[in-house]
Amino acid sequence: VPASEKAGMSQVVWSPLAQGVLSGKYRPGEPPPSGSRALDEVGST
């Protein structure tokens, strides 16, 4: 961020929800909900 500010650059950020974890849908001690990224072959990684 300091280097970007010096260079006149902004951030356009990806994964603001931490791959959906910050939405609250993944609960401690419970399996991932059906259809979630955690169960997708690519997204789970």
All heavy atoms as atom14 arrays in JSON, in Angstrom:
{
  "sequence": "VPASEKAGMSQVVWSPLAQGVLSGKYRPGEPPPSGSRALDEVGST",
  "atom14_mask": [
    [1, 1, 1, 1, 1, 1, 1, 0, 0, 0, 0, 0, 0, 0],
    [1, 1, 1, 1, 1, 1, 1, 0, 0, 0, 0, 0, 0, 0],
    [1, 1, 1, 1, 1, 0, 0, 0, 0, 0, 0, 0, 0, 0],
    [1, 1, 1, 1, 1, 1, 0, 0, 0, 0, 0, 0, 0, 0],
    [1, 1, 1, 1, 1, 1, 1, 1, 1, 0, 0, 0, 0, 0],
    [1, 1, 1, 1, 1, 1, 1, 1, 1, 0, 0, 0, 0, 0],
    [1, 1, 1, 1, 1, 0, 0, 0, 0, 0, 0, 0, 0, 0],
    [1, 1, 1, 1, 0, 0, 0, 0, 0, 0, 0, 0, 0, 0],
    [1, 1, 1, 1, 1, 1, 1, 1, 0, 0, 0, 0, 0, 0],
    [1, 1, 1, 1, 1, 1, 0, 0, 0, 0, 0, 0, 0, 0],
    [1, 1, 1, 1, 1, 1, 1, 1, 1, 0, 0, 0, 0, 0],
    [1, 1, 1, 1, 1, 1, 1, 0, 0, 0, 0, 0, 0, 0],
    [1, 1, 1, 1, 1, 1, 1, 0, 0, 0, 0, 0, 0, 0],
    [1, 1, 1, 1, 1, 1, 1, 1, 1, 1, 1, 1, 1, 1],
    [1, 1, 1, 1, 1, 1, 0, 0, 0, 0, 0, 0, 0, 0],
    [1, 1, 1, 1, 1, 1, 1, 0, 0, 0, 0, 0, 0, 0],
    [1, 1, 1, 1, 1, 1, 1, 1, 0, 0, 0, 0, 0, 0],
    [1, 1, 1, 1, 1, 0, 0, 0, 0, 0, 0, 0, 0, 0],
    [1, 1, 1, 1, 1, 1, 1, 1, 1, 0, 0, 0, 0, 0],
    [1, 1, 1, 1, 0, 0, 0, 0, 0, 0, 0, 0, 0, 0],
    [1, 1, 1, 1, 1, 1, 1, 0, 0, 0, 0, 0, 0, 0],
    [1, 1, 1, 1, 1, 1, 1, 1, 0, 0, 0, 0, 0, 0],
    [1, 1, 1, 1, 1, 1, 0, 0, 0, 0, 0, 0, 0, 0],
    [1, 1, 1, 1, 0, 0, 0, 0, 0, 0, 0, 0, 0, 0],
    [1, 1, 1, 1, 1, 1, 1, 1, 1, 0, 0, 0, 0, 0],
    [1, 1, 1, 1, 1, 1, 1, 1, 1, 1, 1, 1, 0, 0],
    [1, 1, 1, 1, 1, 1, 1, 1, 1, 1, 1, 0, 0, 0],
    [1, 1, 1, 1, 1, 1, 1, 0, 0, 0, 0, 0, 0, 0],
    [1, 1, 1, 1, 0, 0, 0, 0, 0, 0, 0, 0, 0, 0],
    [1, 1, 1, 1, 1, 1, 1, 1, 1, 0, 0, 0, 0, 0],
    [1, 1, 1, 1, 1, 1, 1, 0, 0, 0, 0, 0, 0, 0],
    [1, 1, 1, 1, 1, 1, 1, 0, 0, 0, 0, 0, 0, 0],
    [1, 1, 1, 1, 1, 1, 1, 0, 0, 0, 0, 0, 0, 0],
    [1, 1, 1, 1, 1, 1, 0, 0, 0, 0, 0, 0, 0, 0],
    [1, 1, 1, 1, 0, 0, 0, 0, 0, 0, 0, 0, 0, 0],
    [1, 1, 1, 1, 1, 1, 0, 0, 0, 0, 0, 0, 0, 0],
    [1, 1, 1, 1, 1, 1, 1, 1, 1, 1, 1, 0, 0, 0],
    [1, 1, 1, 1, 1, 0, 0, 0, 0, 0, 0, 0, 0, 0],
    [1, 1, 1, 1, 1, 1, 1, 1, 0, 0, 0, 0, 0, 0],
    [1, 1, 1, 1, 1, 1, 1, 1, 0, 0, 0, 0, 0, 0],
    [1, 1, 1, 1, 1, 1, 1, 1, 1, 0, 0, 0, 0, 0],
    [1, 1, 1, 1, 1, 1, 1, 0, 0, 0, 0, 0, 0, 0],
    [1, 1, 1, 1, 0, 0, 0, 0, 0, 0, 0, 0, 0, 0],
    [1, 1, 1, 1, 1, 1, 0, 0, 0, 0, 0, 0, 0, 0],
    [1, 1, 1, 1, 1, 1, 1, 0, 0, 0, 0, 0, 0, 0]
  ],
  "atom14_positions": [
    [[0.82, -1.21, 0.0], [0.0, 0.0, 0.0], [0.86, 1.27, 0.0], [0.63, 2.17, -0.81], [-1.0, 0.0, 1.17], [-1.61, 1.38, 1.37], [-2.11, -1.03, 0.92], [0.0, 0.0, 0.0], [0.0, 0.0, 0.0], [0.0, 0.0, 0.0], [0.0, 0.0, 0.0], [0.0, 0.0, 0.0], [0.0, 0.0, 0.0], [0.0, 0.0, 0.0]],
    [[1.88, 1.39, 0.87], [2.74, 2.59, 0.79], [3.43, 2.74, -0.56], [3.53, 3.86, -1.09], [3.76, 2.36, 1.91], [3.05, 1.49, 2.89], [2.21, 0.58, 2.06], [0.0, 0.0, 0.0], [0.0, 0.0, 0.0], [0.0, 0.0, 0.0], [0.0, 0.0, 0.0], [0.0, 0.0, 0.0], [0.0, 0.0, 0.0], [0.0, 0.0, 0.0]],
    [[3.92, 1.64, -1.14], [4.56, 1.72, -2.46], [3.56, 2.14, -3.53], [3.9, 2.91, -4.44], [5.18, 0.37, -2.82], [0.0, 0.0, 0.0], [0.0, 0.0, 0.0], [0.0, 0.0, 0.0], [0.0, 0.0, 0.0], [0.0, 0.0, 0.0], [0.0, 0.0, 0.0], [0.0, 0.0, 0.0], [0.0, 0.0, 0.0], [0.0, 0.0, 0.0]],
    [[2.33, 1.66, -3.42], [1.29, 2.02, -4.38], [0.93, 3.5, -4.26], [0.77, 4.19, -5.27], [0.05, 1.16, -4.16], [0.32, -0.21, -4.4], [0.0, 0.0, 0.0], [0.0, 0.0, 0.0], [0.0, 0.0, 0.0], [0.0, 0.0, 0.0], [0.0, 0.0, 0.0], [0.0, 0.0, 0.0], [0.0, 0.0, 0.0], [0.0, 0.0, 0.0]],
    [[0.79, 3.97, -3.04], [0.48, 5.39, -2.84], [1.57, 6.27, -3.44], [1.28, 7.29, -4.08], [0.31, 5.67, -1.35], [-0.94, 5.04, -0.76], [-1.04, 5.19, 0.74], [0.01, 5.39, 1.39], [-2.15, 5.11, 1.28], [0.0, 0.0, 0.0], [0.0, 0.0, 0.0], [0.0, 0.0, 0.0], [0.0, 0.0, 0.0], [0.0, 0.0, 0.0]],
    [[2.81, 5.87, -3.26], [3.93, 6.64, -3.81], [3.9, 6.64, -5.34], [4.28, 7.62, -5.98], [5.24, 6.05, -3.31], [6.48, 6.84, -3.72], [7.74, 6.24, -3.11], [8.98, 7.03, -3.51], [10.22, 6.43, -2.92], [0.0, 0.0, 0.0], [0.0, 0.0, 0.0], [0.0, 0.0, 0.0], [0.0, 0.0, 0.0], [0.0, 0.0, 0.0]],
    [[3.44, 5.53, -5.92], [3.39, 5.39, -7.38], [2.09, 5.91, -7.98], [1.9, 5.82, -9.19], [3.59, 3.93, -7.76], [0.0, 0.0, 0.0], [0.0, 0.0, 0.0], [0.0, 0.0, 0.0], [0.0, 0.0, 0.0], [0.0, 0.0, 0.0], [0.0, 0.0, 0.0], [0.0, 0.0, 0.0], [0.0, 0.0, 0.0], [0.0, 0.0, 0.0]],
    [[1.17, 6.41, -7.17], [-0.1, 6.92, -7.68], [-1.08, 5.83, -8.05], [-1.89, 6.0, -8.97], [0.0, 0.0, 0.0], [0.0, 0.0, 0.0], [0.0, 0.0, 0.0], [0.0, 0.0, 0.0], [0.0, 0.0, 0.0], [0.0, 0.0, 0.0], [0.0, 0.0, 0.0], [0.0, 0.0, 0.0], [0.0, 0.0, 0.0], [0.0, 0.0, 0.0]],
    [[-1.03, 4.71, -7.31], [-1.87, 3.55, -7.62], [-2.86, 3.26, -6.5], [-2.55, 3.43, -5.33], [-0.99, 2.31, -7.84], [-0.03, 2.43, -9.02], [1.27, 1.15, -8.99], [0.3, -0.36, -9.09], [0.0, 0.0, 0.0], [0.0, 0.0, 0.0], [0.0, 0.0, 0.0], [0.0, 0.0, 0.0], [0.0, 0.0, 0.0], [0.0, 0.0, 0.0]],
    [[-4.04, 2.79, -6.9], [-5.05, 2.3, -5.95], [-5.01, 0.78, -5.9], [-4.4, 0.13, -6.76], [-6.46, 2.71, -6.4], [-6.63, 4.09, -6.4], [0.0, 0.0, 0.0], [0.0, 0.0, 0.0], [0.0, 0.0, 0.0], [0.0, 0.0, 0.0], [0.0, 0.0, 0.0], [0.0, 0.0, 0.0], [0.0, 0.0, 0.0], [0.0, 0.0, 0.0]],
    [[-5.71, 0.22, -4.91], [-5.95, -1.22, -4.86], [-7.37, -1.51, -5.35], [-8.31, -0.81, -4.99], [-5.81, -1.75, -3.43], [-4.55, -1.32, -2.71], [-3.28, -1.74, -3.41], [-3.14, -2.89, -3.83], [-2.33, -0.81, -3.55], [0.0, 0.0, 0.0], [0.0, 0.0, 0.0], [0.0, 0.0, 0.0], [0.0, 0.0, 0.0], [0.0, 0.0, 0.0]],
    [[-7.49, -2.53, -6.19], [-8.79, -3.1, -6.56], [-8.75, -4.53, -6.03], [-8.08, -5.38, -6.61], [-9.01, -3.07, -8.08], [-10.34, -3.75, -8.44], [-8.99, -1.64, -8.6], [0.0, 0.0, 0.0], [0.0, 0.0, 0.0], [0.0, 0.0, 0.0], [0.0, 0.0, 0.0], [0.0, 0.0, 0.0], [0.0, 0.0, 0.0], [0.0, 0.0, 0.0]],
    [[-9.41, -4.79, -4.93], [-9.11, -6.01, -4.18], [-10.01, -7.18, -4.55], [-11.19, -7.01, -4.84], [-9.19, -5.76, -2.66], [-8.27, -4.6, -2.28], [-10.61, -5.45, -2.19], [0.0, 0.0, 0.0], [0.0, 0.0, 0.0], [0.0, 0.0, 0.0], [0.0, 0.0, 0.0], [0.0, 0.0, 0.0], [0.0, 0.0, 0.0], [0.0, 0.0, 0.0]],
    [[-9.41, -8.38, -4.55], [-10.19, -9.59, -4.77], [-10.3, -10.37, -3.47], [-9.52, -10.18, -2.56], [-9.61, -10.45, -5.88], [-8.2, -10.97, -5.73], [-7.05, -10.34, -6.07], [-7.81, -12.26, -5.23], [-5.96, -11.14, -5.81], [-6.4, -12.34, -5.3], [-8.52, -13.36, -4.75], [-5.68, -13.46, -4.89], [-7.81, -14.49, -4.34], [-6.41, -14.53, -4.42]],
    [[-11.32, -11.19, -3.4], [-11.64, -12.0, -2.21], [-11.89, -11.17, -0.96], [-11.37, -11.49, 0.11], [-10.53, -13.02, -1.93], [-10.97, -14.03, -1.05], [0.0, 0.0, 0.0], [0.0, 0.0, 0.0], [0.0, 0.0, 0.0], [0.0, 0.0, 0.0], [0.0, 0.0, 0.0], [0.0, 0.0, 0.0], [0.0, 0.0, 0.0], [0.0, 0.0, 0.0]],
    [[-12.71, -10.11, -1.05], [-13.02, -9.35, 0.17], [-13.78, -10.16, 1.2], [-13.79, -9.8, 2.38], [-13.86, -8.18, -0.36], [-14.48, -8.7, -1.62], [-13.42, -9.58, -2.22], [0.0, 0.0, 0.0], [0.0, 0.0, 0.0], [0.0, 0.0, 0.0], [0.0, 0.0, 0.0], [0.0, 0.0, 0.0], [0.0, 0.0, 0.0], [0.0, 0.0, 0.0]],
    [[-14.4, -11.27, 0.77], [-15.13, -12.14, 1.69], [-14.31, -13.35, 2.11], [-14.86, -14.28, 2.72], [-16.45, -12.61, 1.06], [-17.46, -11.52, 0.7], [-18.7, -12.16, 0.09], [-17.83, -10.71, 1.92], [0.0, 0.0, 0.0], [0.0, 0.0, 0.0], [0.0, 0.0, 0.0], [0.0, 0.0, 0.0], [0.0, 0.0, 0.0], [0.0, 0.0, 0.0]],
    [[-13.01, -13.36, 1.79], [-12.16, -14.5, 2.12], [-12.78, -15.79, 1.6], [-13.0, -16.76, 2.33], [-11.89, -14.58, 3.62], [0.0, 0.0, 0.0], [0.0, 0.0, 0.0], [0.0, 0.0, 0.0], [0.0, 0.0, 0.0], [0.0, 0.0, 0.0], [0.0, 0.0, 0.0], [0.0, 0.0, 0.0], [0.0, 0.0, 0.0], [0.0, 0.0, 0.0]],
    [[-13.1, -15.8, 0.3], [-13.71, -16.95, -0.36], [-15.02, -17.38, 0.3], [-15.39, -18.55, 0.3], [-12.72, -18.13, -0.37], [-11.41, -17.83, -1.06], [-11.61, -17.45, -2.53], [-12.31, -18.13, -3.26], [-11.0, -16.36, -2.95], [0.0, 0.0, 0.0], [0.0, 0.0, 0.0], [0.0, 0.0, 0.0], [0.0, 0.0, 0.0], [0.0, 0.0, 0.0]],
    [[-15.75, -16.41, 0.84], [-17.05, -16.68, 1.43], [-17.02, -16.94, 2.92], [-18.08, -16.96, 3.56], [0.0, 0.0, 0.0], [0.0, 0.0, 0.0], [0.0, 0.0, 0.0], [0.0, 0.0, 0.0], [0.0, 0.0, 0.0], [0.0, 0.0, 0.0], [0.0, 0.0, 0.0], [0.0, 0.0, 0.0], [0.0, 0.0, 0.0], [0.0, 0.0, 0.0]],
    [[-15.84, -17.11, 3.5], [-15.75, -17.41, 4.93], [-16.31, -16.26, 5.76], [-16.99, -16.47, 6.78], [-14.3, -17.72, 5.32], [-14.13, -17.77, 6.84], [-13.86, -19.05, 4.7], [0.0, 0.0, 0.0], [0.0, 0.0, 0.0], [0.0, 0.0, 0.0], [0.0, 0.0, 0.0], [0.0, 0.0, 0.0], [0.0, 0.0, 0.0], [0.0, 0.0, 0.0]],
    [[-16.05, -15.02, 5.34], [-16.51, -13.86, 6.12], [-18.0, -13.6, 5.97], [-18.54, -12.69, 6.62], [-15.7, -12.63, 5.74], [-14.23, -12.67, 6.18], [-13.45, -11.5, 5.57], [-14.12, -12.64, 7.7], [0.0, 0.0, 0.0], [0.0, 0.0, 0.0], [0.0, 0.0, 0.0], [0.0, 0.0, 0.0], [0.0, 0.0, 0.0], [0.0, 0.0, 0.0]],
    [[-18.67, -14.38, 5.12], [-20.14, -14.25, 5.04], [-20.8, -14.95, 6.22], [-22.0, -14.79, 6.45], [-20.65, -14.86, 3.73], [-20.54, -16.28, 3.76], [0.0, 0.0, 0.0], [0.0, 0.0, 0.0], [0.0, 0.0, 0.0], [0.0, 0.0, 0.0], [0.0, 0.0, 0.0], [0.0, 0.0, 0.0], [0.0, 0.0, 0.0], [0.0, 0.0, 0.0]],
    [[-20.03, -15.77, 6.95], [-20.57, -16.48, 8.1], [-21.22, -17.81, 7.78], [-21.77, -18.46, 8.67], [0.0, 0.0, 0.0], [0.0, 0.0, 0.0], [0.0, 0.0, 0.0], [0.0, 0.0, 0.0], [0.0, 0.0, 0.0], [0.0, 0.0, 0.0], [0.0, 0.0, 0.0], [0.0, 0.0, 0.0], [0.0, 0.0, 0.0], [0.0, 0.0, 0.0]],
    [[-21.13, -18.26, 6.52], [-21.84, -19.5, 6.17], [-21.1, -20.76, 6.61], [-21.69, -21.83, 6.67], [-22.13, -19.55, 4.68], [-20.91, -19.61, 3.77], [-21.37, -19.61, 2.32], [-20.24, -19.41, 1.35], [-20.74, -19.32, -0.05], [0.0, 0.0, 0.0], [0.0, 0.0, 0.0], [0.0, 0.0, 0.0], [0.0, 0.0, 0.0], [0.0, 0.0, 0.0]],
    [[-19.81, -20.62, 6.88], [-19.05, -21.76, 7.39], [-18.99, -21.67, 8.91], [-18.46, -20.71, 9.47], [-17.63, -21.77, 6.82], [-17.59, -21.88, 5.31], [-17.34, -20.76, 4.51], [-17.79, -23.11, 4.69], [-17.3, -20.86, 3.13], [-17.75, -23.22, 3.3], [-17.5, -22.1, 2.53], [-17.47, -22.21, 1.16], [0.0, 0.0, 0.0], [0.0, 0.0, 0.0]],
    [[-19.55, -22.66, 9.59], [-19.68, -22.62, 11.04], [-18.69, -23.58, 11.67], [-18.49, -24.7, 11.19], [-21.1, -23.01, 11.46], [-22.19, -22.23, 10.75], [-22.18, -20.78, 11.15], [-22.52, -20.6, 12.56], [-22.54, -19.44, 13.17], [-22.18, -18.34, 12.52], [-22.89, -19.36, 14.44], [0.0, 0.0, 0.0], [0.0, 0.0, 0.0], [0.0, 0.0, 0.0]],
    [[-18.06, -23.17, 12.78], [-17.1, -24.06, 13.44], [-17.75, -25.35, 13.91], [-18.84, -25.34, 14.48], [-16.6, -23.22, 14.63], [-17.62, -22.14, 14.82], [-18.2, -21.87, 13.47], [0.0, 0.0, 0.0], [0.0, 0.0, 0.0], [0.0, 0.0, 0.0], [0.0, 0.0, 0.0], [0.0, 0.0, 0.0], [0.0, 0.0, 0.0], [0.0, 0.0, 0.0]],
    [[-17.09, -26.48, 13.59], [-17.61, -27.77, 14.02], [-18.7, -28.35, 13.15], [-19.22, -29.42, 13.43], [0.0, 0.0, 0.0], [0.0, 0.0, 0.0], [0.0, 0.0, 0.0], [0.0, 0.0, 0.0], [0.0, 0.0, 0.0], [0.0, 0.0, 0.0], [0.0, 0.0, 0.0], [0.0, 0.0, 0.0], [0.0, 0.0, 0.0], [0.0, 0.0, 0.0]],
    [[-19.05, -27.64, 12.06], [-20.11, -28.11, 11.16], [-19.55, -28.34, 9.76], [-18.6, -27.66, 9.36], [-21.26, -27.1, 11.09], [-21.95, -26.84, 12.43], [-23.07, -25.82, 12.3], [-23.42, -25.45, 11.16], [-23.59, -25.4, 13.35], [0.0, 0.0, 0.0], [0.0, 0.0, 0.0], [0.0, 0.0, 0.0], [0.0, 0.0, 0.0], [0.0, 0.0, 0.0]],
    [[-20.11, -29.27, 8.98], [-19.64, -29.47, 7.6], [-20.0, -28.27, 6.73], [-20.96, -27.54, 7.04], [-20.39, -30.73, 7.16], [-21.61, -30.77, 8.03], [-21.2, -30.19, 9.36], [0.0, 0.0, 0.0], [0.0, 0.0, 0.0], [0.0, 0.0, 0.0], [0.0, 0.0, 0.0], [0.0, 0.0, 0.0], [0.0, 0.0, 0.0], [0.0, 0.0, 0.0]],
    [[-19.25, -28.02, 5.66], [-19.57, -26.91, 4.75], [-20.98, -27.07, 4.18], [-21.43, -28.19, 3.93], [-18.52, -27.04, 3.64], [-17.4, -27.8, 4.26], [-18.05, -28.75, 5.23], [0.0, 0.0, 0.0], [0.0, 0.0, 0.0], [0.0, 0.0, 0.0], [0.0, 0.0, 0.0], [0.0, 0.0, 0.0], [0.0, 0.0, 0.0], [0.0, 0.0, 0.0]],
    [[-21.7, -25.98, 4.0], [-23.05, -26.07, 3.46], [-23.06, -26.58, 2.02], [-22.1, -26.37, 1.27], [-23.57, -24.63, 3.55], [-22.35, -23.78, 3.63], [-21.31, -24.58, 4.32], [0.0, 0.0, 0.0], [0.0, 0.0, 0.0], [0.0, 0.0, 0.0], [0.0, 0.0, 0.0], [0.0, 0.0, 0.0], [0.0, 0.0, 0.0], [0.0, 0.0, 0.0]],
    [[-24.13, -27.23, 1.65], [-24.28, -27.75, 0.3], [-24.18, -26.64, -0.73], [-24.75, -25.56, -0.55], [-25.64, -28.46, 0.17], [-25.85, -28.89, -1.15], [0.0, 0.0, 0.0], [0.0, 0.0, 0.0], [0.0, 0.0, 0.0], [0.0, 0.0, 0.0], [0.0, 0.0, 0.0], [0.0, 0.0, 0.0], [0.0, 0.0, 0.0], [0.0, 0.0, 0.0]],
    [[-23.43, -26.9, -1.8], [-23.28, -25.91, -2.87], [-22.25, -24.86, -2.62], [-22.04, -23.97, -3.45], [0.0, 0.0, 0.0], [0.0, 0.0, 0.0], [0.0, 0.0, 0.0], [0.0, 0.0, 0.0], [0.0, 0.0, 0.0], [0.0, 0.0, 0.0], [0.0, 0.0, 0.0], [0.0, 0.0, 0.0], [0.0, 0.0, 0.0], [0.0, 0.0, 0.0]],
    [[-21.54, -24.92, -1.49], [-20.54, -23.9, -1.16], [-19.24, -24.16, -1.89], [-18.98, -25.25, -2.4], [-20.29, -23.87, 0.35], [-19.68, -25.08, 0.78], [0.0, 0.0, 0.0], [0.0, 0.0, 0.0], [0.0, 0.0, 0.0], [0.0, 0.0, 0.0], [0.0, 0.0, 0.0], [0.0, 0.0, 0.0], [0.0, 0.0, 0.0], [0.0, 0.0, 0.0]],
    [[-18.38, -23.14, -1.92], [-17.11, -23.24, -2.63], [-16.21, -24.31, -2.01], [-15.39, -24.92, -2.69], [-16.41, -21.88, -2.61], [-15.12, -21.82, -3.39], [-14.71, -20.39, -3.68], [-15.66, -19.76, -4.59], [-15.6, -18.48, -4.95], [-14.67, -17.7, -4.44], [-16.47, -17.97, -5.8], [0.0, 0.0, 0.0], [0.0, 0.0, 0.0], [0.0, 0.0, 0.0]],
    [[-16.36, -24.55, -0.72], [-15.53, -25.55, -0.05], [-15.76, -26.94, -0.59], [-14.91, -27.83, -0.42], [-15.79, -25.53, 1.45], [0.0, 0.0, 0.0], [0.0, 0.0, 0.0], [0.0, 0.0, 0.0], [0.0, 0.0, 0.0], [0.0, 0.0, 0.0], [0.0, 0.0, 0.0], [0.0, 0.0, 0.0], [0.0, 0.0, 0.0], [0.0, 0.0, 0.0]],
    [[-16.88, -27.17, -1.26], [-17.19, -28.48, -1.82], [-16.96, -28.53, -3.32], [-17.19, -29.57, -3.95], [-18.65, -28.86, -1.51], [-18.99, -28.96, -0.02], [-20.48, -29.25, 0.16], [-18.15, -30.02, 0.67], [0.0, 0.0, 0.0], [0.0, 0.0, 0.0], [0.0, 0.0, 0.0], [0.0, 0.0, 0.0], [0.0, 0.0, 0.0], [0.0, 0.0, 0.0]],
    [[-16.5, -27.43, -3.91], [-16.24, -27.36, -5.34], [-14.82, -27.85, -5.61], [-13.89, -27.53, -4.88], [-16.42, -25.93, -5.85], [-16.12, -25.81, -7.33], [-16.98, -26.19, -8.13], [-15.02, -25.32, -7.67], [0.0, 0.0, 0.0], [0.0, 0.0, 0.0], [0.0, 0.0, 0.0], [0.0, 0.0, 0.0], [0.0, 0.0, 0.0], [0.0, 0.0, 0.0]],
    [[-14.64, -28.6, -6.67], [-13.34, -29.2, -6.97], [-12.25, -28.16, -7.13], [-11.12, -28.34, -6.66], [-13.45, -30.05, -8.25], [-12.15, -30.76, -8.61], [-12.29, -31.63, -9.86], [-13.42, -31.72, -10.38], [-11.28, -32.19, -10.29], [0.0, 0.0, 0.0], [0.0, 0.0, 0.0], [0.0, 0.0, 0.0], [0.0, 0.0, 0.0], [0.0, 0.0, 0.0]],
    [[-12.55, -27.04, -7.78], [-11.56, -25.98, -7.99], [-11.55, -25.0, -6.82], [-10.51, -24.67, -6.25], [-11.82, -25.23, -9.3], [-10.85, -24.09, -9.47], [-11.7, -26.19, -10.49], [0.0, 0.0, 0.0], [0.0, 0.0, 0.0], [0.0, 0.0, 0.0], [0.0, 0.0, 0.0], [0.0, 0.0, 0.0], [0.0, 0.0, 0.0], [0.0, 0.0, 0.0]],
    [[-12.72, -24.54, -6.44], [-12.81, -23.51, -5.41], [-12.3, -23.94, -4.05], [-11.8, -23.12, -3.27], [0.0, 0.0, 0.0], [0.0, 0.0, 0.0], [0.0, 0.0, 0.0], [0.0, 0.0, 0.0], [0.0, 0.0, 0.0], [0.0, 0.0, 0.0], [0.0, 0.0, 0.0], [0.0, 0.0, 0.0], [0.0, 0.0, 0.0], [0.0, 0.0, 0.0]],
    [[-12.37, -25.24, -3.75], [-11.96, -25.71, -2.43], [-10.49, -25.46, -2.15], [-10.08, -25.27, -1.0], [-12.27, -27.2, -2.29], [-11.55, -27.96, -3.24], [0.0, 0.0, 0.0], [0.0, 0.0, 0.0], [0.0, 0.0, 0.0], [0.0, 0.0, 0.0], [0.0, 0.0, 0.0], [0.0, 0.0, 0.0], [0.0, 0.0, 0.0], [0.0, 0.0, 0.0]],
    [[-9.68, -25.44, -3.19], [-8.24, -25.22, -2.98], [-7.95, -23.81, -2.49], [-6.91, -23.57, -1.87], [-7.46, -25.47, -4.28], [-7.89, -24.54, -5.28], [-7.68, -26.89, -4.78], [0.0, 0.0, 0.0], [0.0, 0.0, 0.0], [0.0, 0.0, 0.0], [0.0, 0.0, 0.0], [0.0, 0.0, 0.0], [0.0, 0.0, 0.0], [0.0, 0.0, 0.0]]
  ]
}
